[in-house]
Structure formats: C-alpha cells, structure tokens
Amino acid sequence: MHSKSEREIITESSNGFVSRCPCCQEYNVAYKTVLLVFDEEQMLRFFEWVVSYRHSRENYNPLPHGRTRIYSSPHSNLFLVYSDAELDELADLSAEVQIVLEARKLVRGVGY
C-alpha cells in the first residue's frame, strides 16, 4: 500500500478521484465506496465500458435506492450500480483523465 503523499491526483470530483502512483504507474479510480486499481490501459477501458454502455437495455434495472444501471464485474458476486447522475460524474472524470493524459503525451513528445 502506498501513502497518500505518493499519489498524484489527476482529476477529482465531490464523490471521487483518479490518481496515479509515480513509482508503480498504477491508477486508482475511487468513486464513493469503491476503489479500483488499474494500469493505464485498463483504466481507460474501464471508463470506456462504463460510459459506452450507460444506455444499454441489458444494464437497465431500477433498484430501490435510485440506481438504475448495473454493470457485471468479472467476479460473479460483484456488481457496480450507478444512477444517471453518477454516470455523468464518471463520464466527466473519464473525459478529464483523457485530456490530462493526452496533454502529458504531447509535452513528453516535445524535444524528443
């Protein structure tokens, strides 16, 4: 486990953040009570999956607590559930992360 001071916050919202550990290059996607750890490619695929399937009929299942979108994880007993507002917030985090990562690639490319 790494200390908070080692993590670089890339973007954040009132309910979560995306950070990167400079030593191991792992990305944390923390949203409400869930923390997911990825490499860069996995993180981008996660965001693409969540955002692109938000209107899928297969994912629609209204639950009593107001969340209507269910995503199956690779584990048979773990599901991620989101409301439309939460999906908007995750889509914003995704867009911000992509902008920052693209900007960093452009800056690194300068002078090489």
PDB file of N, CA and C in Angstrom:
ATOM      1  N   MET A   1       0.841  -1.172   0.000  1.00  0.00           N
ATOM      2  CA  MET A   1       0.000   0.000   0.000  1.00  0.00           C
ATOM      3  C   MET A   1       0.889   1.237   0.000  1.00  0.00           C
ATOM      4  N   HIS A   2       0.518   2.218  -0.773  1.00  0.00           N
ATOM      5  CA  HIS A   2       1.286   3.448  -0.875  1.00  0.00           C
ATOM      6  C   HIS A   2       0.634   4.538  -0.036  1.00  0.00           C
ATOM      7  N   SER A   3       1.446   5.469   0.408  1.00  0.00           N
ATOM      8  CA  SER A   3       0.887   6.562   1.200  1.00  0.00           C
ATOM      9  C   SER A   3       0.224   7.583   0.288  1.00  0.00           C
ATOM     10  N   LYS A   4      -0.683   8.349   0.856  1.00  0.00           N
ATOM     11  CA  LYS A   4      -1.419   9.351   0.094  1.00  0.00           C
ATOM     12  C   LYS A   4      -0.473  10.339  -0.576  1.00  0.00           C
ATOM     13  N   SER A   5       0.598  10.708   0.094  1.00  0.00           N
ATOM     14  CA  SER A   5       1.510  11.712  -0.440  1.00  0.00           C
ATOM     15  C   SER A   5       2.211  11.239  -1.712  1.00  0.00           C
ATOM     16  N   GLU A   6       2.296   9.946  -1.909  1.00  0.00           N
ATOM     17  CA  GLU A   6       2.940   9.433  -3.110  1.00  0.00           C
ATOM     18  C   GLU A   6       2.036   9.516  -4.332  1.00  0.00           C
ATOM     19  N   ARG A   7       0.754   9.546  -4.122  1.00  0.00           N
ATOM     20  CA  ARG A   7      -0.207   9.522  -5.218  1.00  0.00           C
ATOM     21  C   ARG A   7      -0.380  10.908  -5.818  1.00  0.00           C
ATOM     22  N   GLU A   8      -0.420  10.951  -7.122  1.00  0.00           N
ATOM     23  CA  GLU A   8      -0.657  12.184  -7.850  1.00  0.00           C
ATOM     24  C   GLU A   8      -2.132  12.206  -8.268  1.00  0.00           C
ATOM     25  N   ILE A   9      -2.883  13.175  -7.796  1.00  0.00           N
ATOM     26  CA  ILE A   9      -4.291  13.300  -8.173  1.00  0.00           C
ATOM     27  C   ILE A   9      -4.334  13.868  -9.591  1.00  0.00           C
ATOM     28  N   ILE A  10      -4.972  13.150 -10.493  1.00  0.00           N
ATOM     29  CA  ILE A  10      -5.101  13.602 -11.880  1.00  0.00           C
ATOM     30  C   ILE A  10      -6.365  14.428 -12.040  1.00  0.00           C
ATOM     31  N   THR A  11      -7.456  13.962 -11.477  1.00  0.00           N
ATOM     32  CA  THR A  11      -8.717  14.677 -11.504  1.00  0.00           C
ATOM     33  C   THR A  11      -9.546  14.223 -10.318  1.00  0.00           C
ATOM     34  N   GLU A  12     -10.488  15.075  -9.922  1.00  0.00           N
ATOM     35  CA  GLU A  12     -11.344  14.700  -8.806  1.00  0.00           C
ATOM     36  C   GLU A  12     -12.702  15.375  -8.928  1.00  0.00           C
ATOM     37  N   SER A  13     -13.648  14.789  -8.242  1.00  0.00           N
ATOM     38  CA  SER A  13     -14.997  15.338  -8.150  1.00  0.00           C
ATOM     39  C   SER A  13     -15.398  15.290  -6.685  1.00  0.00           C
ATOM     40  N   SER A  14     -16.616  15.693  -6.396  1.00  0.00           N
ATOM     41  CA  SER A  14     -17.051  15.663  -4.995  1.00  0.00           C
ATOM     42  C   SER A  14     -17.192  14.238  -4.467  1.00  0.00           C
ATOM     43  N   ASN A  15     -17.313  13.259  -5.367  1.00  0.00           N
ATOM     44  CA  ASN A  15     -17.518  11.874  -4.939  1.00  0.00           C
ATOM     45  C   ASN A  15     -16.366  10.928  -5.257  1.00  0.00           C
ATOM     46  N   GLY A  16     -15.316  11.437  -5.876  1.00  0.00           N
ATOM     47  CA  GLY A  16     -14.231  10.525  -6.218  1.00  0.00           C
ATOM     48  C   GLY A  16     -13.038  11.215  -6.830  1.00  0.00           C
ATOM     49  N   PHE A  17     -12.098  10.402  -7.241  1.00  0.00           N
ATOM     50  CA  PHE A  17     -10.883  10.925  -7.859  1.00  0.00           C
ATOM     51  C   PHE A  17     -10.222   9.842  -8.693  1.00  0.00           C
ATOM     52  N   VAL A  18      -9.291  10.288  -9.530  1.00  0.00           N
ATOM     53  CA  VAL A  18      -8.399   9.389 -10.248  1.00  0.00           C
ATOM     54  C   VAL A  18      -6.992   9.836  -9.900  1.00  0.00           C
ATOM     55  N   SER A  19      -6.177   8.896  -9.469  1.00  0.00           N
ATOM     56  CA  SER A  19      -4.800   9.220  -9.113  1.00  0.00           C
ATOM     57  C   SER A  19      -3.852   8.210  -9.744  1.00  0.00           C
ATOM     58  N   ARG A  20      -2.572   8.574  -9.707  1.00  0.00           N
ATOM     59  CA  ARG A  20      -1.533   7.702 -10.258  1.00  0.00           C
ATOM     60  C   ARG A  20      -0.384   7.630  -9.270  1.00  0.00           C
ATOM     61  N   CYS A  21       0.161   6.445  -9.114  1.00  0.00           N
ATOM     62  CA  CYS A  21       1.338   6.256  -8.275  1.00  0.00           C
ATOM     63  C   CYS A  21       2.562   6.378  -9.182  1.00  0.00           C
ATOM     64  N   PRO A  22       3.421   7.341  -8.941  1.00  0.00           N
ATOM     65  CA  PRO A  22       4.585   7.529  -9.813  1.00  0.00           C
ATOM     66  C   PRO A  22       5.589   6.371  -9.778  1.00  0.00           C
ATOM     67  N   CYS A  23       5.636   5.630  -8.694  1.00  0.00           N
ATOM     68  CA  CYS A  23       6.631   4.557  -8.622  1.00  0.00           C
ATOM     69  C   CYS A  23       6.193   3.291  -9.345  1.00  0.00           C
ATOM     70  N   CYS A  24       4.916   2.945  -9.256  1.00  0.00           N
ATOM     71  CA  CYS A  24       4.469   1.689  -9.882  1.00  0.00           C
ATOM     72  C   CYS A  24       3.558   1.909 -11.086  1.00  0.00           C
ATOM     73  N   GLN A  25       3.214   3.169 -11.357  1.00  0.00           N
ATOM     74  CA  GLN A  25       2.373   3.539 -12.501  1.00  0.00           C
ATOM     75  C   GLN A  25       0.954   2.991 -12.420  1.00  0.00           C
ATOM     76  N   GLU A  26       0.498   2.610 -11.243  1.00  0.00           N
ATOM     77  CA  GLU A  26      -0.878   2.156 -11.073  1.00  0.00           C
ATOM     78  C   GLU A  26      -1.799   3.365 -10.935  1.00  0.00           C
ATOM     79  N   TYR A  27      -2.980   3.214 -11.489  1.00  0.00           N
ATOM     80  CA  TYR A  27      -4.004   4.244 -11.393  1.00  0.00           C
ATOM     81  C   TYR A  27      -5.087   3.781 -10.433  1.00  0.00           C
ATOM     82  N   ASN A  28      -5.536   4.695  -9.604  1.00  0.00           N
ATOM     83  CA  ASN A  28      -6.663   4.438  -8.714  1.00  0.00           C
ATOM     84  C   ASN A  28      -7.864   5.203  -9.232  1.00  0.00           C
ATOM     85  N   VAL A  29      -8.958   4.502  -9.375  1.00  0.00           N
ATOM     86  CA  VAL A  29     -10.233   5.144  -9.656  1.00  0.00           C
ATOM     87  C   VAL A  29     -11.068   4.916  -8.405  1.00  0.00           C
ATOM     88  N   ALA A  30     -11.256   5.975  -7.649  1.00  0.00           N
ATOM     89  CA  ALA A  30     -12.032   5.898  -6.414  1.00  0.00           C
ATOM     90  C   ALA A  30     -13.328   6.651  -6.638  1.00  0.00           C
ATOM     91  N   TYR A  31     -14.441   5.969  -6.414  1.00  0.00           N
ATOM     92  CA  TYR A  31     -15.738   6.617  -6.572  1.00  0.00           C
ATOM     93  C   TYR A  31     -16.670   6.109  -5.480  1.00  0.00           C
ATOM     94  N   LYS A  32     -17.103   7.023  -4.664  1.00  0.00           N
ATOM     95  CA  LYS A  32     -17.935   6.724  -3.499  1.00  0.00           C
ATOM     96  C   LYS A  32     -17.249   5.655  -2.652  1.00  0.00           C
ATOM     97  N   THR A  33     -17.794   4.464  -2.531  1.00  0.00           N
ATOM     98  CA  THR A  33     -17.202   3.452  -1.651  1.00  0.00           C
ATOM     99  C   THR A  33     -16.389   2.403  -2.390  1.00  0.00           C
ATOM    100  N   VAL A  34     -16.096   2.638  -3.666  1.00  0.00           N
ATOM    101  CA  VAL A  34     -15.365   1.651  -4.459  1.00  0.00           C
ATOM    102  C   VAL A  34     -14.014   2.221  -4.878  1.00  0.00           C
ATOM    103  N   LEU A  35     -12.970   1.431  -4.706  1.00  0.00           N
ATOM    104  CA  LEU A  35     -11.632   1.779  -5.177  1.00  0.00           C
ATOM    105  C   LEU A  35     -11.188   0.693  -6.142  1.00  0.00           C
ATOM    106  N   LEU A  36     -10.881   1.093  -7.366  1.00  0.00           N
ATOM    107  CA  LEU A  36     -10.411   0.162  -8.387  1.00  0.00           C
ATOM    108  C   LEU A  36      -8.986   0.536  -8.754  1.00  0.00           C
ATOM    109  N   VAL A  37      -8.141  -0.458  -8.972  1.00  0.00           N
ATOM    110  CA  VAL A  37      -6.734  -0.237  -9.307  1.00  0.00           C
ATOM    111  C   VAL A  37      -6.459  -0.834 -10.671  1.00  0.00           C
ATOM    112  N   PHE A  38      -5.851  -0.022 -11.545  1.00  0.00           N
ATOM    113  CA  PHE A  38      -5.607  -0.424 -12.924  1.00  0.00           C
ATOM    114  C   PHE A  38      -4.239   0.040 -13.399  1.00  0.00           C
ATOM    115  N   ASP A  39      -3.777  -0.546 -14.515  1.00  0.00           N
ATOM    116  CA  ASP A  39      -2.730   0.119 -15.272  1.00  0.00           C
ATOM    117  C   ASP A  39      -3.450   1.117 -16.182  1.00  0.00           C
ATOM    118  N   GLU A  40      -2.720   1.924 -16.929  1.00  0.00           N
ATOM    119  CA  GLU A  40      -3.353   2.980 -17.713  1.00  0.00           C
ATOM    120  C   GLU A  40      -4.350   2.436 -18.735  1.00  0.00           C
ATOM    121  N   GLU A  41      -3.972   1.419 -19.463  1.00  0.00           N
ATOM    122  CA  GLU A  41      -4.851   0.858 -20.489  1.00  0.00           C
ATOM    123  C   GLU A  41      -6.133   0.288 -19.876  1.00  0.00           C
ATOM    124  N   GLN A  42      -6.005  -0.424 -18.773  1.00  0.00           N
ATOM    125  CA  GLN A  42      -7.179  -0.988 -18.106  1.00  0.00           C
ATOM    126  C   GLN A  42      -8.117   0.108 -17.610  1.00  0.00           C
ATOM    127  N   MET A  43      -7.541   1.174 -17.081  1.00  0.00           N
ATOM    128  CA  MET A  43      -8.360   2.280 -16.586  1.00  0.00           C
ATOM    129  C   MET A  43      -9.153   2.904 -17.732  1.00  0.00           C
ATOM    130  N   LEU A  44      -8.490   3.147 -18.851  1.00  0.00           N
ATOM    131  CA  LEU A  44      -9.183   3.735 -19.993  1.00  0.00           C
ATOM    132  C   LEU A  44     -10.272   2.812 -20.520  1.00  0.00           C
ATOM    133  N   ARG A  45     -10.011   1.510 -20.528  1.00  0.00           N
ATOM    134  CA  ARG A  45     -11.032   0.543 -20.949  1.00  0.00           C
ATOM    135  C   ARG A  45     -12.213   0.530 -19.975  1.00  0.00           C
ATOM    136  N   PHE A  46     -11.925   0.625 -18.675  1.00  0.00           N
ATOM    137  CA  PHE A  46     -12.998   0.677 -17.683  1.00  0.00           C
ATOM    138  C   PHE A  46     -13.915   1.867 -17.952  1.00  0.00           C
ATOM    139  N   PHE A  47     -13.332   3.050 -18.107  1.00  0.00           N
ATOM    140  CA  PHE A  47     -14.146   4.234 -18.361  1.00  0.00           C
ATOM    141  C   PHE A  47     -14.926   4.102 -19.672  1.00  0.00           C
ATOM    142  N   GLU A  48     -14.294   3.577 -20.689  1.00  0.00           N
ATOM    143  CA  GLU A  48     -14.986   3.389 -21.967  1.00  0.00           C
ATOM    144  C   GLU A  48     -16.182   2.451 -21.799  1.00  0.00           C
ATOM    145  N   TRP A  49     -15.980   1.369 -21.071  1.00  0.00           N
ATOM    146  CA  TRP A  49     -17.043   0.389 -20.815  1.00  0.00           C
ATOM    147  C   TRP A  49     -18.216   1.030 -20.090  1.00  0.00           C
ATOM    148  N   VAL A  50     -17.929   1.747 -19.011  1.00  0.00           N
ATOM    149  CA  VAL A  50     -18.992   2.350 -18.209  1.00  0.00           C
ATOM    150  C   VAL A  50     -19.752   3.399 -19.026  1.00  0.00           C
ATOM    151  N   VAL A  51     -19.029   4.254 -19.709  1.00  0.00           N
ATOM    152  CA  VAL A  51     -19.671   5.339 -20.445  1.00  0.00           C
ATOM    153  C   VAL A  51     -20.423   4.814 -21.666  1.00  0.00           C
ATOM    154  N   SER A  52     -19.825   3.901 -22.415  1.00  0.00           N
ATOM    155  CA  SER A  52     -20.453   3.453 -23.662  1.00  0.00           C
ATOM    156  C   SER A  52     -21.672   2.547 -23.436  1.00  0.00           C
ATOM    157  N   TYR A  53     -21.755   1.900 -22.297  1.00  0.00           N
ATOM    158  CA  TYR A  53     -22.890   1.011 -22.025  1.00  0.00           C
ATOM    159  C   TYR A  53     -23.928   1.627 -21.093  1.00  0.00           C
ATOM    160  N   ARG A  54     -23.830   2.902 -20.841  1.00  0.00           N
ATOM    161  CA  ARG A  54     -24.752   3.523 -19.881  1.00  0.00           C
ATOM    162  C   ARG A  54     -26.199   3.477 -20.342  1.00  0.00           C
ATOM    163  N   HIS A  55     -26.469   3.420 -21.636  1.00  0.00           N
ATOM    164  CA  HIS A  55     -27.838   3.377 -22.136  1.00  0.00           C
ATOM    165  C   HIS A  55     -28.250   1.991 -22.625  1.00  0.00           C
ATOM    166  N   SER A  56     -27.421   1.014 -22.369  1.00  0.00           N
ATOM    167  CA  SER A  56     -27.723  -0.353 -22.785  1.00  0.00           C
ATOM    168  C   SER A  56     -28.925  -0.903 -22.009  1.00  0.00           C
ATOM    169  N   ARG A  57     -29.837  -1.509 -22.737  1.00  0.00           N
ATOM    170  CA  ARG A  57     -31.014  -2.108 -22.081  1.00  0.00           C
ATOM    171  C   ARG A  57     -30.591  -3.242 -21.153  1.00  0.00           C
ATOM    172  N   GLU A  58     -29.523  -3.917 -21.482  1.00  0.00           N
ATOM    173  CA  GLU A  58     -29.040  -5.027 -20.645  1.00  0.00           C
ATOM    174  C   GLU A  58     -28.606  -4.545 -19.264  1.00  0.00           C
ATOM    175  N   ASN A  59     -28.149  -3.312 -19.175  1.00  0.00           N
ATOM    176  CA  ASN A  59     -27.659  -2.772 -17.910  1.00  0.00           C
ATOM    177  C   ASN A  59     -28.758  -2.088 -17.103  1.00  0.00           C
ATOM    178  N   TYR A  60     -29.936  -1.918 -17.691  1.00  0.00           N
ATOM    179  CA  TYR A  60     -31.009  -1.184 -17.022  1.00  0.00           C
ATOM    180  C   TYR A  60     -31.791  -2.109 -16.086  1.00  0.00           C
ATOM    181  N   ASN A  61     -31.799  -1.739 -14.827  1.00  0.00           N
ATOM    182  CA  ASN A  61     -32.554  -2.486 -13.829  1.00  0.00           C
ATOM    183  C   ASN A  61     -32.750  -1.568 -12.622  1.00  0.00           C
ATOM    184  N   PRO A  62     -33.890  -0.872 -12.563  1.00  0.00           N
ATOM    185  CA  PRO A  62     -34.118   0.058 -11.453  1.00  0.00           C
ATOM    186  C   PRO A  62     -34.073  -0.652 -10.097  1.00  0.00           C
ATOM    187  N   LEU A  63     -33.311  -0.086  -9.197  1.00  0.00           N
ATOM    188  CA  LEU A  63     -33.188  -0.628  -7.847  1.00  0.00           C
ATOM    189  C   LEU A  63     -33.868   0.315  -6.854  1.00  0.00           C
ATOM    190  N   PRO A  64     -34.254  -0.183  -5.696  1.00  0.00           N
ATOM    191  CA  PRO A  64     -34.994   0.633  -4.719  1.00  0.00           C
ATOM    192  C   PRO A  64     -34.262   1.891  -4.253  1.00  0.00           C
ATOM    193  N   HIS A  65     -32.940   1.927  -4.343  1.00  0.00           N
ATOM    194  CA  HIS A  65     -32.204   3.090  -3.843  1.00  0.00           C
ATOM    195  C   HIS A  65     -31.916   4.131  -4.925  1.00  0.00           C
ATOM    196  N   GLY A  66     -32.592   4.018  -6.068  1.00  0.00           N
ATOM    197  CA  GLY A  66     -32.498   5.049  -7.092  1.00  0.00           C
ATOM    198  C   GLY A  66     -31.474   4.811  -8.182  1.00  0.00           C
ATOM    199  N   ARG A  67     -30.675   3.799  -8.036  1.00  0.00           N
ATOM    200  CA  ARG A  67     -29.697   3.499  -9.082  1.00  0.00           C
ATOM    201  C   ARG A  67     -30.358   2.590 -10.108  1.00  0.00           C
ATOM    202  N   THR A  68     -30.057   2.838 -11.381  1.00  0.00           N
ATOM    203  CA  THR A  68     -30.762   2.115 -12.445  1.00  0.00           C
ATOM    204  C   THR A  68     -29.841   1.358 -13.391  1.00  0.00           C
ATOM    205  N   ARG A  69     -28.551   1.526 -13.272  1.00  0.00           N
ATOM    206  CA  ARG A  69     -27.618   0.871 -14.189  1.00  0.00           C
ATOM    207  C   ARG A  69     -26.732  -0.096 -13.419  1.00  0.00           C
ATOM    208  N   ILE A  70     -26.710  -1.346 -13.893  1.00  0.00           N
ATOM    209  CA  ILE A  70     -25.935  -2.396 -13.239  1.00  0.00           C
ATOM    210  C   ILE A  70     -24.882  -2.910 -14.215  1.00  0.00           C
ATOM    211  N   TYR A  71     -23.655  -2.975 -13.748  1.00  0.00           N
ATOM    212  CA  TYR A  71     -22.537  -3.489 -14.536  1.00  0.00           C
ATOM    213  C   TYR A  71     -21.993  -4.734 -13.854  1.00  0.00           C
ATOM    214  N   SER A  72     -21.876  -5.815 -14.599  1.00  0.00           N
ATOM    215  CA  SER A  72     -21.328  -7.066 -14.065  1.00  0.00           C
ATOM    216  C   SER A  72     -19.816  -6.989 -14.046  1.00  0.00           C
ATOM    217  N   SER A  73     -19.235  -7.374 -12.944  1.00  0.00           N
ATOM    218  CA  SER A  73     -17.781  -7.427 -12.853  1.00  0.00           C
ATOM    219  C   SER A  73     -17.308  -8.826 -13.256  1.00  0.00           C
ATOM    220  N   PRO A  74     -16.006  -9.025 -13.362  1.00  0.00           N
ATOM    221  CA  PRO A  74     -15.507 -10.376 -13.641  1.00  0.00           C
ATOM    222  C   PRO A  74     -15.808 -11.376 -12.527  1.00  0.00           C
ATOM    223  N   HIS A  75     -16.145 -10.864 -11.349  1.00  0.00           N
ATOM    224  CA  HIS A  75     -16.485 -11.731 -10.221  1.00  0.00           C
ATOM    225  C   HIS A  75     -17.999 -11.944 -10.211  1.00  0.00           C
ATOM    226  N   SER A  76     -18.433 -13.158 -10.142  1.00  0.00           N
ATOM    227  CA  SER A  76     -19.857 -13.480 -10.274  1.00  0.00           C
ATOM    228  C   SER A  76     -20.732 -12.868  -9.182  1.00  0.00           C
ATOM    229  N   ASN A  77     -20.147 -12.459  -8.083  1.00  0.00           N
ATOM    230  CA  ASN A  77     -20.953 -11.923  -6.989  1.00  0.00           C
ATOM    231  C   ASN A  77     -20.718 -10.428  -6.751  1.00  0.00           C
ATOM    232  N   LEU A  78     -20.091  -9.735  -7.706  1.00  0.00           N
ATOM    233  CA  LEU A  78     -19.816  -8.310  -7.548  1.00  0.00           C
ATOM    234  C   LEU A  78     -20.363  -7.544  -8.743  1.00  0.00           C
ATOM    235  N   PHE A  79     -21.178  -6.534  -8.450  1.00  0.00           N
ATOM    236  CA  PHE A  79     -21.763  -5.686  -9.479  1.00  0.00           C
ATOM    237  C   PHE A  79     -21.538  -4.231  -9.105  1.00  0.00           C
ATOM    238  N   LEU A  80     -21.373  -3.394 -10.097  1.00  0.00           N
ATOM    239  CA  LEU A  80     -21.283  -1.957  -9.885  1.00  0.00           C
ATOM    240  C   LEU A  80     -22.625  -1.367 -10.288  1.00  0.00           C
ATOM    241  N   VAL A  81     -23.201  -0.520  -9.446  1.00  0.00           N
ATOM    242  CA  VAL A  81     -24.505   0.070  -9.745  1.00  0.00           C
ATOM    243  C   VAL A  81     -24.391   1.594  -9.661  1.00  0.00           C
ATOM    244  N   TYR A  82     -25.014   2.262 -10.637  1.00  0.00           N
ATOM    245  CA  TYR A  82     -24.917   3.710 -10.733  1.00  0.00           C
ATOM    246  C   TYR A  82     -26.255   4.321 -11.108  1.00  0.00           C
ATOM    247  N   SER A  83     -26.449   5.551 -10.681  1.00  0.00           N
ATOM    248  CA  SER A  83     -27.577   6.368 -11.137  1.00  0.00           C
ATOM    249  C   SER A  83     -27.110   7.148 -12.364  1.00  0.00           C
ATOM    250  N   ASP A  84     -28.038   7.802 -13.046  1.00  0.00           N
ATOM    251  CA  ASP A  84     -27.657   8.619 -14.199  1.00  0.00           C
ATOM    252  C   ASP A  84     -26.721   9.752 -13.790  1.00  0.00           C
ATOM    253  N   ALA A  85     -26.979  10.377 -12.647  1.00  0.00           N
ATOM    254  CA  ALA A  85     -26.117  11.463 -12.168  1.00  0.00           C
ATOM    255  C   ALA A  85     -24.705  10.946 -11.880  1.00  0.00           C
ATOM    256  N   GLU A  86     -24.604   9.768 -11.309  1.00  0.00           N
ATOM    257  CA  GLU A  86     -23.285   9.184 -11.032  1.00  0.00           C
ATOM    258  C   GLU A  86     -22.560   8.852 -12.327  1.00  0.00           C
ATOM    259  N   LEU A  87     -23.298   8.359 -13.318  1.00  0.00           N
ATOM    260  CA  LEU A  87     -22.678   8.075 -14.616  1.00  0.00           C
ATOM    261  C   LEU A  87     -22.213   9.357 -15.288  1.00  0.00           C
ATOM    262  N   ASP A  88     -22.951  10.449 -15.123  1.00  0.00           N
ATOM    263  CA  ASP A  88     -22.496  11.738 -15.643  1.00  0.00           C
ATOM    264  C   ASP A  88     -21.174  12.133 -14.994  1.00  0.00           C
ATOM    265  N   GLU A  89     -21.087  11.944 -13.691  1.00  0.00           N
ATOM    266  CA  GLU A  89     -19.875  12.298 -12.961  1.00  0.00           C
ATOM    267  C   GLU A  89     -18.699  11.415 -13.390  1.00  0.00           C
ATOM    268  N   LEU A  90     -18.938  10.126 -13.564  1.00  0.00           N
ATOM    269  CA  LEU A  90     -17.878   9.233 -14.036  1.00  0.00           C
ATOM    270  C   LEU A  90     -17.455   9.589 -15.459  1.00  0.00           C
ATOM    271  N   ALA A  91     -18.405   9.970 -16.302  1.00  0.00           N
ATOM    272  CA  ALA A  91     -18.070  10.390 -17.672  1.00  0.00           C
ATOM    273  C   ALA A  91     -17.206  11.651 -17.639  1.00  0.00           C
ATOM    274  N   ASP A  92     -17.499  12.573 -16.737  1.00  0.00           N
ATOM    275  CA  ASP A  92     -16.671  13.773 -16.594  1.00  0.00           C
ATOM    276  C   ASP A  92     -15.264  13.424 -16.137  1.00  0.00           C
ATOM    277  N   LEU A  93     -15.146  12.532 -15.143  1.00  0.00           N
ATOM    278  CA  LEU A  93     -13.821  12.093 -14.691  1.00  0.00           C
ATOM    279  C   LEU A  93     -13.056  11.456 -15.842  1.00  0.00           C
ATOM    280  N   SER A  94     -13.734  10.641 -16.613  1.00  0.00           N
ATOM    281  CA  SER A  94     -13.109   9.974 -17.755  1.00  0.00           C
ATOM    282  C   SER A  94     -12.588  10.987 -18.763  1.00  0.00           C
ATOM    283  N   ALA A  95     -13.412  11.959 -19.111  1.00  0.00           N
ATOM    284  CA  ALA A  95     -13.009  12.972 -20.091  1.00  0.00           C
ATOM    285  C   ALA A  95     -11.814  13.773 -19.586  1.00  0.00           C
ATOM    286  N   GLU A  96     -11.837  14.139 -18.319  1.00  0.00           N
ATOM    287  CA  GLU A  96     -10.730  14.909 -17.749  1.00  0.00           C
ATOM    288  C   GLU A  96      -9.440  14.103 -17.732  1.00  0.00           C
ATOM    289  N   VAL A  97      -9.530  12.834 -17.373  1.00  0.00           N
ATOM    290  CA  VAL A  97      -8.341  11.976 -17.370  1.00  0.00           C
ATOM    291  C   VAL A  97      -7.760  11.873 -18.773  1.00  0.00           C
ATOM    292  N   GLN A  98      -8.608  11.666 -19.757  1.00  0.00           N
ATOM    293  CA  GLN A  98      -8.126  11.529 -21.128  1.00  0.00           C
ATOM    294  C   GLN A  98      -7.443  12.802 -21.606  1.00  0.00           C
ATOM    295  N   ILE A  99      -7.989  13.963 -21.251  1.00  0.00           N
ATOM    296  CA  ILE A  99      -7.370  15.235 -21.637  1.00  0.00           C
ATOM    297  C   ILE A  99      -5.991  15.373 -20.990  1.00  0.00           C
ATOM    298  N   VAL A 100      -5.907  15.093 -19.699  1.00  0.00           N
ATOM    299  CA  VAL A 100      -4.621  15.210 -18.988  1.00  0.00           C
ATOM    300  C   VAL A 100      -3.595  14.243 -19.561  1.00  0.00           C
ATOM    301  N   LEU A 101      -3.984  12.992 -19.788  1.00  0.00           N
ATOM    302  CA  LEU A 101      -3.036  12.006 -20.319  1.00  0.00           C
ATOM    303  C   LEU A 101      -2.572  12.391 -21.718  1.00  0.00           C
ATOM    304  N   GLU A 102      -3.484  12.886 -22.554  1.00  0.00           N
ATOM    305  CA  GLU A 102      -3.102  13.309 -23.909  1.00  0.00           C
ATOM    306  C   GLU A 102      -2.172  14.516 -23.856  1.00  0.00           C
ATOM    307  N   ALA A 103      -2.456  15.462 -22.986  1.00  0.00           N
ATOM    308  CA  ALA A 103      -1.591  16.634 -22.841  1.00  0.00           C
ATOM    309  C   ALA A 103      -0.190  16.222 -22.393  1.00  0.00           C
ATOM    310  N   ARG A 104      -0.120  15.291 -21.471  1.00  0.00           N
ATOM    311  CA  ARG A 104       1.192  14.829 -21.000  1.00  0.00           C
ATOM    312  C   ARG A 104       1.975  14.142 -22.116  1.00  0.00           C
ATOM    313  N   LYS A 105       1.281  13.370 -22.952  1.00  0.00           N
ATOM    314  CA  LYS A 105       1.952  12.713 -24.072  1.00  0.00           C
ATOM    315  C   LYS A 105       2.491  13.751 -25.049  1.00  0.00           C
ATOM    316  N   LEU A 106       1.729  14.814 -25.288  1.00  0.00           N
ATOM    317  CA  LEU A 106       2.186  15.867 -26.191  1.00  0.00           C
ATOM    318  C   LEU A 106       3.412  16.586 -25.625  1.00  0.00           C
ATOM    319  N   VAL A 107       3.378  16.877 -24.327  1.00  0.00           N
ATOM    320  CA  VAL A 107       4.503  17.562 -23.685  1.00  0.00           C
ATOM    321  C   VAL A 107       5.745  16.673 -23.704  1.00  0.00           C
ATOM    322  N   ARG A 108       5.571  15.393 -23.406  1.00  0.00           N
ATOM    323  CA  ARG A 108       6.722  14.470 -23.427  1.00  0.00           C
ATOM    324  C   ARG A 108       7.301  14.348 -24.829  1.00  0.00           C
ATOM    325  N   GLY A 109       6.458  14.467 -25.849  1.00  0.00           N
ATOM    326  CA  GLY A 109       6.910  14.343 -27.216  1.00  0.00           C
ATOM    327  C   GLY A 109       7.727  15.539 -27.681  1.00  0.00           C
ATOM    328  N   VAL A 110       7.555  16.684 -27.020  1.00  0.00           N
ATOM    329  CA  VAL A 110       8.304  17.881 -27.384  1.00  0.00           C
ATOM    330  C   VAL A 110       9.760  17.689 -26.975  1.00  0.00           C
ATOM    331  N   GLY A 111      10.648  17.918 -27.923  1.00  0.00           N
ATOM    332  CA  GLY A 111      12.075  17.835 -27.625  1.00  0.00           C
ATOM    333  C   GLY A 111      12.668  16.451 -27.729  1.00  0.00           C
ATOM    334  N   TYR A 112      11.894  15.444 -28.060  1.00  0.00           N
ATOM    335  CA  TYR A 112      12.427  14.099 -28.198  1.00  0.00           C
ATOM    336  C   TYR A 112      12.606  13.738 -29.640  1.00  0.00           C
TER     337      TYR A 112
END
